[in-house]
Protein backbone atom coordinates (compact mmCIF):
# COMPACT_ATOMS: atom_id res chain seq x y z
CA MET A 1 -18.56 10.83 -48.34
CA THR A 2 -18.35 9.77 -51.99
CA VAL A 3 -14.99 8.57 -53.31
CA TYR A 4 -14.60 8.69 -57.08
CA LEU A 5 -12.03 6.33 -58.59
CA ALA A 6 -9.75 8.24 -60.97
CA SER A 7 -9.79 7.55 -64.71
CA PRO A 8 -9.07 3.90 -65.56
CA HIS A 9 -5.94 3.50 -67.69
CA ASP A 10 -7.03 0.30 -69.43
CA GLN A 11 -10.01 -1.99 -69.88
CA VAL A 12 -9.04 -4.24 -66.96
CA GLN A 13 -9.23 -1.26 -64.61
CA ALA A 14 -12.41 0.02 -66.28
CA SER A 15 -14.08 -3.34 -65.76
CA ALA A 16 -13.11 -3.28 -62.08
CA CYS A 17 -14.93 0.06 -61.72
CA SER A 18 -18.32 -1.44 -62.52
CA GLY A 19 -20.91 -0.10 -60.08
CA MET A 20 -18.49 2.48 -58.66
CA PRO A 21 -18.30 6.31 -58.83
CA VAL A 22 -15.63 7.26 -61.36
CA LEU A 23 -13.75 10.48 -62.11
CA LEU A 24 -13.15 10.88 -65.84
CA SER A 25 -10.30 13.18 -66.82
CA PHE A 26 -10.37 14.90 -70.20
CA ALA A 27 -6.60 14.40 -70.39
CA LYS A 28 -6.87 10.63 -69.90
CA CYS A 29 -10.26 9.65 -71.27
CA ASN A 30 -9.58 6.94 -73.84
CA PRO A 31 -12.24 5.94 -76.41
CA PHE A 32 -12.92 2.59 -74.70
CA ILE A 33 -14.35 4.51 -71.72
CA LEU A 34 -17.51 5.21 -73.72
CA ASP A 35 -18.38 1.52 -73.54
CA TYR A 36 -17.59 1.11 -69.86
CA GLN A 37 -19.04 4.38 -68.54
CA ARG A 38 -22.53 2.89 -68.68
CA THR A 39 -21.47 0.46 -65.94
CA PHE A 40 -20.27 3.18 -63.54
CA SER A 41 -22.69 4.21 -60.80
CA ARG A 42 -21.75 7.92 -60.97
CA ILE A 43 -19.44 10.10 -63.05
CA LEU A 44 -17.54 13.28 -62.26
CA LEU A 45 -15.70 15.12 -65.05
CA ASP A 46 -12.26 16.65 -64.63
CA SER A 47 -10.52 19.00 -67.06
CA GLY A 48 -7.08 17.42 -66.72
CA ALA A 49 -5.59 20.54 -65.13
CA TYR A 50 -3.22 18.45 -63.00
CA SER A 51 -1.88 16.73 -66.09
CA GLU A 52 -1.32 20.20 -67.54
CA LEU A 53 0.67 21.14 -64.43
CA ASN A 54 2.86 18.04 -64.70
CA SER A 55 3.41 17.94 -68.45
CA GLY A 56 3.44 21.64 -69.26
CA LYS A 57 1.09 20.88 -72.16
CA THR A 58 -1.85 23.30 -72.14
CA VAL A 59 -5.33 21.79 -72.10
CA ASP A 60 -7.33 22.89 -75.16
CA LEU A 61 -10.14 24.91 -73.59
CA GLU A 62 -12.42 24.75 -76.61
CA ALA A 63 -11.90 21.00 -76.99
CA TYR A 64 -12.70 20.49 -73.32
CA ARG A 65 -15.79 22.65 -73.64
CA GLU A 66 -17.04 20.57 -76.58
CA TRP A 67 -16.25 17.26 -74.84
CA SER A 68 -17.76 18.22 -71.50
CA GLN A 69 -20.96 19.59 -73.00
CA LYS A 70 -21.93 16.08 -74.08
CA TRP A 71 -21.99 15.00 -70.43
CA ILE A 72 -24.42 17.65 -69.18
CA GLY A 73 -27.23 15.89 -67.35
CA HIS A 74 -25.26 12.65 -67.30
CA ALA A 75 -22.36 13.51 -64.99
CA ASP A 76 -22.83 14.51 -61.34
CA ALA A 77 -20.83 17.66 -62.06
CA ILE A 78 -18.30 19.05 -64.52
CA ALA A 79 -15.13 20.73 -63.26
CA GLY A 80 -13.89 23.94 -64.83
CA LEU A 81 -10.41 24.26 -66.28
CA ASP A 82 -8.42 25.70 -63.40
CA ASP A 83 -4.84 26.95 -63.37
CA ILE A 84 -3.18 25.11 -60.49
CA ARG A 85 -0.01 27.22 -60.77
CA GLY A 86 -1.87 30.16 -59.28
CA ASP A 87 -3.01 32.20 -62.27
CA TRP A 88 -6.47 32.68 -60.80
CA ARG A 89 -7.41 35.24 -63.46
CA ARG A 90 -6.96 32.57 -66.14
CA SER A 91 -9.06 30.18 -64.06
CA MET A 92 -11.86 32.73 -63.78
CA SER A 93 -11.76 33.34 -67.54
CA ASN A 94 -11.97 29.59 -68.17
CA TYR A 95 -14.96 29.24 -65.83
CA GLU A 96 -16.72 31.97 -67.76
CA ALA A 97 -16.01 30.18 -71.05
CA ILE A 98 -17.69 26.98 -69.80
CA PRO A 99 -20.78 28.15 -67.89
CA TRP A 100 -21.82 24.63 -66.87
CA SER A 101 -18.53 23.97 -65.04
CA PHE A 102 -17.87 24.41 -61.34
CA PRO A 103 -14.86 26.33 -59.95
CA THR A 104 -11.96 25.15 -57.80
CA TRP A 105 -9.88 26.94 -55.19
CA HIS A 106 -6.23 25.91 -54.81
CA ASP A 107 -3.81 26.84 -52.06
CA SER A 108 -1.87 28.69 -54.78
CA ASP A 109 -4.81 31.15 -54.95
CA PRO A 110 -5.56 33.90 -52.42
CA VAL A 111 -7.96 32.57 -49.81
CA GLU A 112 -10.23 35.57 -50.42
CA LEU A 113 -10.95 34.16 -53.89
CA VAL A 114 -13.11 31.51 -52.22
CA ASP A 115 -15.84 34.12 -51.74
CA ASP A 116 -16.06 34.79 -55.48
CA LEU A 117 -15.95 31.08 -56.31
CA VAL A 118 -18.80 30.38 -53.90
CA GLY A 119 -20.88 32.91 -55.84
CA ILE A 120 -20.15 31.04 -59.07
CA ALA A 121 -20.87 27.69 -57.42
CA LYS A 122 -24.30 28.86 -56.29
CA GLU A 123 -25.21 29.51 -59.91
CA ARG A 124 -23.83 26.20 -61.23
CA GLY A 125 -25.20 23.24 -59.34
CA ARG A 126 -23.68 24.28 -56.00
CA TRP A 127 -20.39 22.42 -56.43
CA LEU A 128 -16.99 23.80 -55.41
CA GLY A 129 -13.58 22.14 -55.67
CA ILE A 130 -10.71 22.38 -53.19
CA GLY A 131 -7.23 21.41 -54.36
CA LEU A 132 -3.65 21.51 -53.12
CA VAL A 133 -0.41 22.01 -55.00
CA PRO A 134 1.88 19.05 -54.18
CA PRO A 135 3.24 18.17 -51.76
CA ARG A 136 -0.16 17.82 -50.08
CA GLU A 137 0.94 16.69 -46.63
CA GLY A 138 0.47 18.90 -43.60
CA LYS A 139 -1.95 21.34 -45.20
CA GLU A 140 -5.04 20.73 -43.11
CA PRO A 141 -4.99 24.28 -41.63
CA LEU A 142 -5.09 25.73 -45.18
CA ILE A 143 -8.02 23.50 -46.12
CA ARG A 144 -9.97 24.41 -43.00
CA LYS A 145 -9.28 28.12 -43.51
CA ALA A 146 -10.75 27.93 -47.01
CA LEU A 147 -13.72 25.82 -45.88
CA GLU A 148 -14.61 28.38 -43.24
CA ARG A 149 -15.64 30.66 -46.11
CA VAL A 150 -17.90 28.04 -47.75
CA PRO A 151 -21.53 28.11 -46.56
CA GLU A 152 -23.60 25.02 -45.96
CA GLY A 153 -25.46 23.76 -48.99
CA ILE A 154 -22.39 23.84 -51.24
CA HIS A 155 -21.03 20.43 -52.26
CA VAL A 156 -17.27 20.53 -51.66
CA HIS A 157 -15.09 18.14 -53.66
CA GLY A 158 -11.51 17.62 -52.52
CA TRP A 159 -9.23 16.90 -55.45
CA ALA A 160 -6.99 13.94 -54.46
CA LEU A 161 -7.69 14.75 -50.80
CA ARG A 162 -8.55 11.26 -49.59
CA ALA A 163 -6.04 11.74 -46.76
CA TYR A 164 -8.28 14.53 -45.44
CA THR A 165 -11.63 12.74 -45.42
CA HIS A 166 -11.82 13.19 -41.64
CA ILE A 167 -12.70 16.83 -42.38
CA ARG A 168 -16.46 16.51 -42.32
CA ARG A 169 -17.09 19.52 -44.56
CA LEU A 170 -15.69 17.64 -47.57
CA ASN A 171 -18.55 15.91 -49.38
CA SER A 172 -16.53 13.94 -51.91
CA VAL A 173 -12.94 13.21 -52.92
CA ASP A 174 -11.21 11.20 -55.61
CA SER A 175 -8.61 8.46 -55.29
CA THR A 176 -5.76 9.03 -57.72
CA ASN A 177 -3.86 5.87 -56.81
CA TRP A 178 -6.46 3.14 -56.35
CA TRP A 179 -5.01 1.10 -59.21
CA ARG A 180 -1.51 1.42 -57.71
CA ASP A 181 -2.89 0.05 -54.46
CA ALA A 182 -3.66 -3.18 -56.31
CA LEU A 183 0.05 -3.53 -57.10
CA LYS A 184 0.82 -3.18 -53.40
CA VAL A 185 -1.76 -5.82 -52.57
CA LYS A 186 -0.09 -8.17 -55.02
CA ALA A 187 3.27 -7.57 -53.34
CA TYR A 188 1.87 -8.49 -49.92
CA PRO A 189 2.98 -12.03 -48.88
CA LEU A 190 -0.53 -13.33 -48.20
CA THR A 191 -1.91 -12.14 -51.56
CA LYS A 192 1.06 -12.36 -53.91
CA HIS A 193 -0.48 -15.41 -55.59
CA LEU A 194 -3.44 -13.35 -56.85
CA THR A 195 -3.65 -11.88 -60.33
CA TYR A 196 -3.69 -8.12 -60.86
CA PRO A 197 -7.45 -8.11 -61.71
CA GLU A 198 -8.12 -10.04 -58.49
CA CYS A 199 -6.10 -7.47 -56.53
CA LEU A 200 -8.08 -4.69 -58.18
CA GLU A 201 -11.24 -6.41 -57.00
CA ILE A 202 -9.95 -6.33 -53.42
CA VAL A 203 -9.16 -2.62 -53.64
CA VAL A 204 -12.56 -1.82 -55.14
CA LYS A 205 -14.29 -3.74 -52.34
CA ARG A 206 -12.45 -1.51 -49.91
CA TYR A 207 -14.01 1.55 -51.50
CA GLN A 208 -17.43 -0.07 -51.67
CA ARG A 209 -17.34 -0.36 -47.87
CA TRP A 210 -15.63 2.99 -47.25
CA ASN A 211 -18.51 4.66 -45.45
CA ARG A 212 -19.02 1.70 -43.12
CA GLN A 213 -15.46 1.78 -41.81
CA ILE A 214 -14.95 2.16 -38.05
CA VAL A 215 -11.41 3.31 -37.40
CA ASP A 216 -9.53 1.32 -34.78
CA ARG A 217 -5.98 2.62 -34.55
CA GLU A 218 -4.90 -0.29 -32.35
CA ARG A 219 -5.48 -2.78 -35.16
CA LEU A 220 -3.30 -2.81 -38.25
CA THR A 221 -4.68 -3.96 -41.57
CA LEU A 222 -3.28 -4.71 -44.98
CA PHE A 223 -4.32 -1.24 -46.13
CA GLU A 224 -3.09 0.71 -43.09
CA GLY A 225 -0.10 2.00 -45.01
CA LEU A 226 -2.17 3.07 -48.01
CA GLU A 227 -4.40 5.59 -46.23
CA ASN A 228 -2.30 8.67 -46.96
CA ASP A 229 -1.01 7.83 -50.44
CA ASP A 230 -3.26 10.38 -52.15
CA ALA A 231 -1.50 13.14 -50.23
CA THR A 232 1.74 12.44 -52.08
CA LEU A 233 1.01 10.71 -55.40
CA ALA A 234 0.21 12.54 -58.63
CA GLY A 235 -3.38 13.18 -59.58
CA GLY A 236 -5.36 12.57 -62.78
């Protein structure tokens, strides 16, 4: 399981991402990222469709096409511009306009659409996205129903689905709130004396050791209450 840290908002956060997989959103990619991106271990590109959903401001398809094309061969994969509101015909048109992008199925789409998206994914690096319209809690049956239609050999990325990483069929997810977690660390009595950059370092170490975690539900940790935050907080 690969966890991509969502787009850093400032240079302090970008510096904390050194050596980590990072999700860069077209809607939030500031110029300073060009300097820091060379320090990231891996990069995944996102169109900013979630920002479009929240703000109501339409993502410029042609501008995204031009921006994303520069990352071909450099990023792990490039997400297509999807319509999270459920206009799957617009999503399909956008995928056609950017032939190097991979498609995403949302629970606002008919589940049968997964079959068509798998066909596109097979032609474009074998990546497929799975996303949920907020609220994201309690939707595991929907995710599993969609995944049943995805054959082995397709890399499935769960957009802001860190709360569902126990579903083995997901190959990667992104954390939309990792930098907020640092604020929670700073508010914790034992770590309140730390600076924000130091708290970011603690959070990043957590992700560095993600795949070595052995879950013991009888032991509580500082981060126990942070596990499901990505199911409720806004994405990038």
